[in-house]
Amino acid sequence: MSTFSPPQEKPVIDTYYRRKSSVTFDLPSASNEELLSPCTGTSPTVDITAQVVPDTMLVALYDRSSEMKGLIRHNKTYFMSLKHHLNDKWSRFENTLYCERSKMGDKEWMKRISKSLQGAPPLLEKFKELVGYLGDDEEEKEEEKKYFSNVNIGLIRKHPERLSKEAYPQFFINCKNCIRGEKEYDEFIKNLFSKELTDSQWEAKIFNVLNQYPDLLEQLQEIVAYETESEL
């Protein structure tokens, strides 16, 4: 069964293309020449409809929900790969894909999609290419960092099955590689899934270990944020 796993090192959040706020060009002066040929009575005219694009629109899909359906129809092989990768999380992912922009802005929409696909960078990059995403890489990274730092990791205690080694094998591999000593690692895993500890005792023990390994803490915060997003 295909599962979603955070990357081995620091989780790959996003790689976006920077969009400049404005670009101006200085045209050479044309003293006695016209830049455009004058219209004549026999020349056909073409009406061009222009629409104002707000700054909050970060993907090249004006009617996002309906145009996503068109993208899926014309890129079936790619989206079948997504479905295979996400497995039982596909239906949840699909709901996000078709969510109306009025209910979820482009920024939040791409943030959720990036979380879902962060374990498969090539799939995420291809998705951003298809939708024409124009986010700000540095800004997104900073916002993600601030967001995850405020996640209450204790929420995962209500759903220990969501933090299984089968669901997130790479996180546990990273823990074993970072935490020195097999005894210390076993003690950390025991506390992580303990039902006997109070919430305050649990947090103290978990943070006592993970504060030594910021990357592991950030990975756990990302997992908890994704698995408990409806409770945040």
C-alpha atoms as a PDB file:
ATOM      1  CA  MET A   1       0.000   0.000   0.000  1.00  0.00           C
ATOM      2  CA  SER A   2       1.380   3.370  -1.005  1.00  0.00           C
ATOM      3  CA  THR A   3       1.667   5.808   1.882  1.00  0.00           C
ATOM      4  CA  PHE A   4       2.693   9.387   2.291  1.00  0.00           C
ATOM      5  CA  SER A   5       6.056   9.842   4.033  1.00  0.00           C
ATOM      6  CA  PRO A   6       8.002  12.983   4.997  1.00  0.00           C
ATOM      7  CA  PRO A   7      11.483  13.178   3.390  1.00  0.00           C
ATOM      8  CA  GLN A   8      14.512  11.868   5.280  1.00  0.00           C
ATOM      9  CA  GLU A   9      16.143  15.156   6.023  1.00  0.00           C
ATOM     10  CA  LYS A  10      14.278  18.364   6.620  1.00  0.00           C
ATOM     11  CA  PRO A  11      10.823  18.022   5.018  1.00  0.00           C
ATOM     12  CA  VAL A  12      10.565  19.569   1.560  1.00  0.00           C
ATOM     13  CA  ILE A  13       7.877  22.208   1.983  1.00  0.00           C
ATOM     14  CA  ASP A  14       7.483  23.977  -1.275  1.00  0.00           C
ATOM     15  CA  THR A  15       9.441  25.305  -4.192  1.00  0.00           C
ATOM     16  CA  TYR A  16       7.615  28.126  -5.756  1.00  0.00           C
ATOM     17  CA  TYR A  17       8.387  30.608  -8.461  1.00  0.00           C
ATOM     18  CA  ARG A  18       8.712  34.231  -7.414  1.00  0.00           C
ATOM     19  CA  ARG A  19       6.196  36.586  -8.984  1.00  0.00           C
ATOM     20  CA  LYS A  20       7.255  40.208  -9.396  1.00  0.00           C
ATOM     21  CA  SER A  21       4.691  42.796  -8.408  1.00  0.00           C
ATOM     22  CA  SER A  22       5.154  44.841 -11.540  1.00  0.00           C
ATOM     23  CA  VAL A  23       7.352  45.126 -14.614  1.00  0.00           C
ATOM     24  CA  THR A  24       7.786  48.261 -16.672  1.00  0.00           C
ATOM     25  CA  PHE A  25       9.407  48.811 -20.050  1.00  0.00           C
ATOM     26  CA  ASP A  26      10.711  52.046 -21.530  1.00  0.00           C
ATOM     27  CA  LEU A  27       9.699  52.275 -25.164  1.00  0.00           C
ATOM     28  CA  PRO A  28      12.040  54.116 -27.550  1.00  0.00           C
ATOM     29  CA  SER A  29      10.646  57.411 -28.682  1.00  0.00           C
ATOM     30  CA  ALA A  30       9.158  57.345 -32.153  1.00  0.00           C
ATOM     31  CA  SER A  31       9.275  60.868 -33.484  1.00  0.00           C
ATOM     32  CA  ASN A  32       7.222  60.691 -36.641  1.00  0.00           C
ATOM     33  CA  GLU A  33       6.368  57.018 -36.732  1.00  0.00           C
ATOM     34  CA  GLU A  34       3.249  55.393 -35.416  1.00  0.00           C
ATOM     35  CA  LEU A  35       3.743  52.319 -33.236  1.00  0.00           C
ATOM     36  CA  LEU A  36       0.566  50.718 -34.570  1.00  0.00           C
ATOM     37  CA  SER A  37      -0.831  50.854 -38.063  1.00  0.00           C
ATOM     38  CA  PRO A  38      -3.943  53.028 -38.212  1.00  0.00           C
ATOM     39  CA  CYS A  39      -7.232  51.205 -38.670  1.00  0.00           C
ATOM     40  CA  THR A  40      -8.852  51.518 -42.063  1.00  0.00           C
ATOM     41  CA  GLY A  41     -12.443  51.080 -42.980  1.00  0.00           C
ATOM     42  CA  THR A  42     -11.775  47.618 -44.391  1.00  0.00           C
ATOM     43  CA  SER A  43      -9.588  46.338 -41.543  1.00  0.00           C
ATOM     44  CA  PRO A  44     -11.277  43.789 -39.280  1.00  0.00           C
ATOM     45  CA  THR A  45     -11.489  44.617 -35.586  1.00  0.00           C
ATOM     46  CA  VAL A  46     -10.946  42.181 -32.735  1.00  0.00           C
ATOM     47  CA  ASP A  47     -12.543  42.601 -29.327  1.00  0.00           C
ATOM     48  CA  ILE A  48     -10.317  41.513 -26.437  1.00  0.00           C
ATOM     49  CA  THR A  49     -11.947  40.896 -23.075  1.00  0.00           C
ATOM     50  CA  ALA A  50      -9.682  41.674 -20.130  1.00  0.00           C
ATOM     51  CA  GLN A  51     -10.347  40.667 -16.532  1.00  0.00           C
ATOM     52  CA  VAL A  52      -8.799  42.125 -13.401  1.00  0.00           C
ATOM     53  CA  VAL A  53      -6.741  39.487 -11.560  1.00  0.00           C
ATOM     54  CA  PRO A  54      -6.501  40.066  -7.787  1.00  0.00           C
ATOM     55  CA  ASP A  55      -3.183  39.658  -5.957  1.00  0.00           C
ATOM     56  CA  THR A  56      -4.681  36.758  -3.996  1.00  0.00           C
ATOM     57  CA  MET A  57      -5.021  34.718  -7.200  1.00  0.00           C
ATOM     58  CA  LEU A  58      -1.846  32.625  -7.210  1.00  0.00           C
ATOM     59  CA  VAL A  59      -2.679  29.990  -9.826  1.00  0.00           C
ATOM     60  CA  ALA A  60      -3.459  30.431 -13.529  1.00  0.00           C
ATOM     61  CA  LEU A  61      -6.993  29.078 -13.174  1.00  0.00           C
ATOM     62  CA  TYR A  62      -9.602  31.821 -13.265  1.00  0.00           C
ATOM     63  CA  ASP A  63     -12.479  29.421 -12.480  1.00  0.00           C
ATOM     64  CA  ARG A  64     -10.332  27.132 -10.349  1.00  0.00           C
ATOM     65  CA  SER A  65     -12.750  24.336  -9.455  1.00  0.00           C
ATOM     66  CA  SER A  66     -14.135  23.797 -12.958  1.00  0.00           C
ATOM     67  CA  GLU A  67     -10.775  24.264 -14.692  1.00  0.00           C
ATOM     68  CA  MET A  68      -9.240  21.660 -12.364  1.00  0.00           C
ATOM     69  CA  LYS A  69     -11.695  19.116 -13.765  1.00  0.00           C
ATOM     70  CA  GLY A  70     -10.482  19.963 -17.247  1.00  0.00           C
ATOM     71  CA  LEU A  71      -6.844  19.580 -16.175  1.00  0.00           C
ATOM     72  CA  ILE A  72      -7.576  16.154 -14.743  1.00  0.00           C
ATOM     73  CA  ARG A  73      -9.341  15.027 -17.923  1.00  0.00           C
ATOM     74  CA  HIS A  74      -6.342  16.067 -20.045  1.00  0.00           C
ATOM     75  CA  ASN A  75      -3.673  14.710 -17.654  1.00  0.00           C
ATOM     76  CA  LYS A  76      -5.151  11.367 -16.621  1.00  0.00           C
ATOM     77  CA  THR A  77      -1.815   9.553 -16.352  1.00  0.00           C
ATOM     78  CA  TYR A  78      -0.387  12.124 -13.954  1.00  0.00           C
ATOM     79  CA  PHE A  79      -3.465  12.237 -11.727  1.00  0.00           C
ATOM     80  CA  MET A  80      -3.627   8.434 -11.651  1.00  0.00           C
ATOM     81  CA  SER A  81      -0.075   8.566 -10.267  1.00  0.00           C
ATOM     82  CA  LEU A  82      -1.291  11.002  -7.601  1.00  0.00           C
ATOM     83  CA  LYS A  83      -4.173   8.710  -6.710  1.00  0.00           C
ATOM     84  CA  HIS A  84      -1.838   5.743  -6.422  1.00  0.00           C
ATOM     85  CA  HIS A  85       0.605   7.722  -4.256  1.00  0.00           C
ATOM     86  CA  LEU A  86      -2.053   9.064  -1.891  1.00  0.00           C
ATOM     87  CA  ASN A  87      -3.982   5.795  -1.713  1.00  0.00           C
ATOM     88  CA  ASP A  88      -6.657   6.044   1.013  1.00  0.00           C
ATOM     89  CA  LYS A  89      -6.010   9.796   1.358  1.00  0.00           C
ATOM     90  CA  TRP A  90      -7.107  10.431  -2.241  1.00  0.00           C
ATOM     91  CA  SER A  91     -10.763  11.243  -1.481  1.00  0.00           C
ATOM     92  CA  ARG A  92      -9.697  13.876   1.041  1.00  0.00           C
ATOM     93  CA  PHE A  93      -7.196  15.284  -1.454  1.00  0.00           C
ATOM     94  CA  GLU A  94      -9.838  15.311  -4.204  1.00  0.00           C
ATOM     95  CA  ASN A  95     -12.171  17.381  -2.025  1.00  0.00           C
ATOM     96  CA  THR A  96      -9.420  19.982  -1.738  1.00  0.00           C
ATOM     97  CA  LEU A  97      -8.801  19.954  -5.510  1.00  0.00           C
ATOM     98  CA  TYR A  98     -12.408  20.850  -6.299  1.00  0.00           C
ATOM     99  CA  CYS A  99     -12.913  23.301  -3.427  1.00  0.00           C
ATOM    100  CA  GLU A 100     -14.288  26.653  -4.611  1.00  0.00           C
ATOM    101  CA  ARG A 101     -11.913  29.594  -4.368  1.00  0.00           C
ATOM    102  CA  SER A 102     -14.591  31.481  -2.404  1.00  0.00           C
ATOM    103  CA  LYS A 103     -14.305  28.837   0.331  1.00  0.00           C
ATOM    104  CA  MET A 104     -10.518  28.374   0.221  1.00  0.00           C
ATOM    105  CA  GLY A 105      -8.107  30.912  -1.246  1.00  0.00           C
ATOM    106  CA  ASP A 106      -5.201  29.921  -3.478  1.00  0.00           C
ATOM    107  CA  LYS A 107      -2.679  30.316  -0.670  1.00  0.00           C
ATOM    108  CA  GLU A 108      -4.410  27.881   1.684  1.00  0.00           C
ATOM    109  CA  TRP A 109      -5.329  25.610  -1.243  1.00  0.00           C
ATOM    110  CA  MET A 110      -1.712  25.202  -2.326  1.00  0.00           C
ATOM    111  CA  LYS A 111      -0.561  24.869   1.263  1.00  0.00           C
ATOM    112  CA  ARG A 112      -2.810  21.840   1.758  1.00  0.00           C
ATOM    113  CA  ILE A 113      -1.828  20.294  -1.552  1.00  0.00           C
ATOM    114  CA  SER A 114       1.859  20.828  -0.759  1.00  0.00           C
ATOM    115  CA  LYS A 115       1.453  19.071   2.592  1.00  0.00           C
ATOM    116  CA  SER A 116      -0.204  16.109   0.917  1.00  0.00           C
ATOM    117  CA  LEU A 117       2.519  15.799  -1.722  1.00  0.00           C
ATOM    118  CA  GLN A 118       5.578  16.821   0.264  1.00  0.00           C
ATOM    119  CA  GLY A 119       6.721  13.183   0.309  1.00  0.00           C
ATOM    120  CA  ALA A 120       6.813  13.162  -3.513  1.00  0.00           C
ATOM    121  CA  PRO A 121       8.596  16.349  -4.702  1.00  0.00           C
ATOM    122  CA  PRO A 122       8.429  15.458  -8.442  1.00  0.00           C
ATOM    123  CA  LEU A 123       4.644  15.061  -8.244  1.00  0.00           C
ATOM    124  CA  LEU A 124       4.332  18.351  -6.371  1.00  0.00           C
ATOM    125  CA  GLU A 125       6.506  20.211  -8.882  1.00  0.00           C
ATOM    126  CA  LYS A 126       4.476  18.814 -11.769  1.00  0.00           C
ATOM    127  CA  PHE A 127       1.250  19.917 -10.069  1.00  0.00           C
ATOM    128  CA  LYS A 128       2.523  23.463  -9.615  1.00  0.00           C
ATOM    129  CA  GLU A 129       3.546  23.512 -13.263  1.00  0.00           C
ATOM    130  CA  LEU A 130       0.089  22.349 -14.397  1.00  0.00           C
ATOM    131  CA  VAL A 131      -1.808  24.958 -12.385  1.00  0.00           C
ATOM    132  CA  GLY A 132       0.701  27.743 -13.086  1.00  0.00           C
ATOM    133  CA  TYR A 133       1.500  28.428  -9.440  1.00  0.00           C
ATOM    134  CA  LEU A 134       3.336  31.704  -8.764  1.00  0.00           C
ATOM    135  CA  GLY A 135       3.970  31.706  -5.016  1.00  0.00           C
ATOM    136  CA  ASP A 136       6.826  33.274  -3.090  1.00  0.00           C
ATOM    137  CA  ASP A 137       9.234  30.570  -1.921  1.00  0.00           C
ATOM    138  CA  GLU A 138      10.852  32.410   0.990  1.00  0.00           C
ATOM    139  CA  GLU A 139       7.599  33.881   2.251  1.00  0.00           C
ATOM    140  CA  GLU A 140       5.894  30.473   2.144  1.00  0.00           C
ATOM    141  CA  LYS A 141       8.737  28.841   4.065  1.00  0.00           C
ATOM    142  CA  GLU A 142       8.592  31.460   6.798  1.00  0.00           C
ATOM    143  CA  GLU A 143       4.828  31.162   7.129  1.00  0.00           C
ATOM    144  CA  GLU A 144       5.021  27.373   7.260  1.00  0.00           C
ATOM    145  CA  LYS A 145       7.676  27.543   9.966  1.00  0.00           C
ATOM    146  CA  LYS A 146       5.588  29.914  12.092  1.00  0.00           C
ATOM    147  CA  TYR A 147       2.452  27.863  11.541  1.00  0.00           C
ATOM    148  CA  PHE A 148       4.026  24.539  12.555  1.00  0.00           C
ATOM    149  CA  SER A 149       5.738  26.034  15.601  1.00  0.00           C
ATOM    150  CA  ASN A 150       2.285  26.768  17.038  1.00  0.00           C
ATOM    151  CA  VAL A 151       0.872  23.280  16.443  1.00  0.00           C
ATOM    152  CA  ASN A 152      -0.243  21.465  19.585  1.00  0.00           C
ATOM    153  CA  ILE A 153       1.449  18.091  19.090  1.00  0.00           C
ATOM    154  CA  GLY A 154      -0.573  16.691  22.013  1.00  0.00           C
ATOM    155  CA  LEU A 155      -3.599  16.472  19.691  1.00  0.00           C
ATOM    156  CA  ILE A 156      -2.131  13.338  18.113  1.00  0.00           C
ATOM    157  CA  ARG A 157      -2.647  11.462  21.389  1.00  0.00           C
ATOM    158  CA  LYS A 158      -6.341  11.191  20.515  1.00  0.00           C
ATOM    159  CA  HIS A 159      -5.438   9.435  17.260  1.00  0.00           C
ATOM    160  CA  PRO A 160      -2.317   7.316  17.915  1.00  0.00           C
ATOM    161  CA  GLU A 161      -3.153   5.084  14.933  1.00  0.00           C
ATOM    162  CA  ARG A 162      -2.507   8.029  12.604  1.00  0.00           C
ATOM    163  CA  LEU A 163       1.093   8.238  13.823  1.00  0.00           C
ATOM    164  CA  SER A 164       2.002   4.654  12.970  1.00  0.00           C
ATOM    165  CA  LYS A 165       5.301   3.396  11.591  1.00  0.00           C
ATOM    166  CA  GLU A 166       3.375   2.140   8.574  1.00  0.00           C
ATOM    167  CA  ALA A 167       1.940   5.611   7.836  1.00  0.00           C
ATOM    168  CA  TYR A 168       5.172   7.567   8.442  1.00  0.00           C
ATOM    169  CA  PRO A 169       8.103   5.140   8.220  1.00  0.00           C
ATOM    170  CA  GLN A 170      10.619   7.860   7.345  1.00  0.00           C
ATOM    171  CA  PHE A 171       9.881   9.830  10.505  1.00  0.00           C
ATOM    172  CA  PHE A 172      10.721   6.818  12.668  1.00  0.00           C
ATOM    173  CA  ILE A 173      13.833   6.057  10.604  1.00  0.00           C
ATOM    174  CA  ASN A 174      14.947   9.653  11.148  1.00  0.00           C
ATOM    175  CA  CYS A 175      14.280   9.336  14.879  1.00  0.00           C
ATOM    176  CA  LYS A 176      16.348   6.163  15.105  1.00  0.00           C
ATOM    177  CA  ASN A 177      19.197   7.778  13.164  1.00  0.00           C
ATOM    178  CA  CYS A 178      19.214  10.931  15.310  1.00  0.00           C
ATOM    179  CA  ILE A 179      18.460   9.750  18.848  1.00  0.00           C
ATOM    180  CA  ARG A 180      21.642   8.377  20.314  1.00  0.00           C
ATOM    181  CA  GLY A 181      21.439   4.938  21.822  1.00  0.00           C
ATOM    182  CA  GLU A 182      18.914   2.171  21.268  1.00  0.00           C
ATOM    183  CA  LYS A 183      17.702   2.448  24.855  1.00  0.00           C
ATOM    184  CA  GLU A 184      16.994   6.180  24.464  1.00  0.00           C
ATOM    185  CA  TYR A 185      15.175   5.580  21.175  1.00  0.00           C
ATOM    186  CA  ASP A 186      13.018   2.800  22.654  1.00  0.00           C
ATOM    187  CA  GLU A 187      12.177   5.025  25.631  1.00  0.00           C
ATOM    188  CA  PHE A 188      11.145   7.870  23.299  1.00  0.00           C
ATOM    189  CA  ILE A 189       8.848   5.578  21.254  1.00  0.00           C
ATOM    190  CA  LYS A 190       7.354   4.168  24.447  1.00  0.00           C
ATOM    191  CA  ASN A 191       6.547   7.665  25.715  1.00  0.00           C
ATOM    192  CA  LEU A 192       5.273   8.792  22.301  1.00  0.00           C
ATOM    193  CA  PHE A 193       2.504   6.175  22.403  1.00  0.00           C
ATOM    194  CA  SER A 194       2.021   6.095  26.191  1.00  0.00           C
ATOM    195  CA  LYS A 195      -1.555   6.237  27.506  1.00  0.00           C
ATOM    196  CA  GLU A 196      -0.523   6.402  31.149  1.00  0.00           C
ATOM    197  CA  LEU A 197       1.183   9.795  31.051  1.00  0.00           C
ATOM    198  CA  THR A 198      -0.827  12.976  31.589  1.00  0.00           C
ATOM    199  CA  ASP A 199      -0.757  15.518  28.778  1.00  0.00           C
ATOM    200  CA  SER A 200       1.730  17.736  30.616  1.00  0.00           C
ATOM    201  CA  GLN A 201       3.990  14.769  31.445  1.00  0.00           C
ATOM    202  CA  TRP A 202       3.814  13.547  27.862  1.00  0.00           C
ATOM    203  CA  GLU A 203       4.708  16.928  26.374  1.00  0.00           C
ATOM    204  CA  ALA A 204       7.600  17.363  28.815  1.00  0.00           C
ATOM    205  CA  LYS A 205       9.119  14.006  27.856  1.00  0.00           C
ATOM    206  CA  ILE A 206       8.615  14.452  24.113  1.00  0.00           C
ATOM    207  CA  PHE A 207       9.966  18.007  24.027  1.00  0.00           C
ATOM    208  CA  ASN A 208      12.873  17.032  26.266  1.00  0.00           C
ATOM    209  CA  VAL A 209      14.073  14.766  23.468  1.00  0.00           C
ATOM    210  CA  LEU A 210      12.969  16.621  20.335  1.00  0.00           C
ATOM    211  CA  ASN A 211      14.242  20.029  21.440  1.00  0.00           C
ATOM    212  CA  GLN A 212      17.685  18.530  20.836  1.00  0.00           C
ATOM    213  CA  TYR A 213      16.681  17.707  17.254  1.00  0.00           C
ATOM    214  CA  PRO A 214      14.781  20.653  15.689  1.00  0.00           C
ATOM    215  CA  ASP A 215      14.325  18.845  12.370  1.00  0.00           C
ATOM    216  CA  LEU A 216      12.580  15.908  14.053  1.00  0.00           C
ATOM    217  CA  LEU A 217      10.359  18.282  16.012  1.00  0.00           C
ATOM    218  CA  GLU A 218       9.409  20.119  12.827  1.00  0.00           C
ATOM    219  CA  GLN A 219       8.574  16.826  11.108  1.00  0.00           C
ATOM    220  CA  LEU A 220       6.358  15.736  14.001  1.00  0.00           C
ATOM    221  CA  GLN A 221       4.609  19.117  14.013  1.00  0.00           C
ATOM    222  CA  GLU A 222       3.912  18.784  10.281  1.00  0.00           C
ATOM    223  CA  ILE A 223       2.487  15.285  10.733  1.00  0.00           C
ATOM    224  CA  VAL A 224       0.244  16.394  13.581  1.00  0.00           C
ATOM    225  CA  ALA A 225      -0.908  19.467  11.637  1.00  0.00           C
ATOM    226  CA  TYR A 226      -1.863  17.316   8.661  1.00  0.00           C
ATOM    227  CA  GLU A 227      -3.537  14.540  10.638  1.00  0.00           C
ATOM    228  CA  THR A 228      -5.497  16.825  12.966  1.00  0.00           C
ATOM    229  CA  GLU A 229      -6.162  19.844  10.705  1.00  0.00           C
ATOM    230  CA  SER A 230      -9.913  19.765  11.452  1.00  0.00           C
ATOM    231  CA  GLU A 231      -9.138  20.178  15.167  1.00  0.00           C
ATOM    232  CA  LEU A 232      -6.603  23.014  14.880  1.00  0.00           C
END
